[in-house]
Amino acid sequence: MGQTLEVRSRKATNVTLPADVYEAGKALELNFSRVFEQAMREAIRAERGRRWAAENADFIAAHNEFVEQHGLPLAKHRMF
């Protein structure tokens, strides 16, 4: 069976880099698009996590306070 290639819509963009970073990347034959895409995906994941934590900070604090006062709800069933 052959491989199925995933086709994704791409959007061209310009990125400005310091000259030394550009030259080092070129010298190492790095794929700028692939490196930038991976870095953007990680930055997006991290920012979504940060925003989720900020949006849910009150619930997280209340839950942590409950656990401190009452322990874990199912602690008696833990095997470790």
Foldseek 3Di string as FASTA:
>chain_A
DDDDDDDDDDDDDDDDDDPVVVVVCVVVVHDVVVVVVVVVVVVVVVVVVVVVCVVCVVVVVVVVVCCVVPNDPPVVPDPD
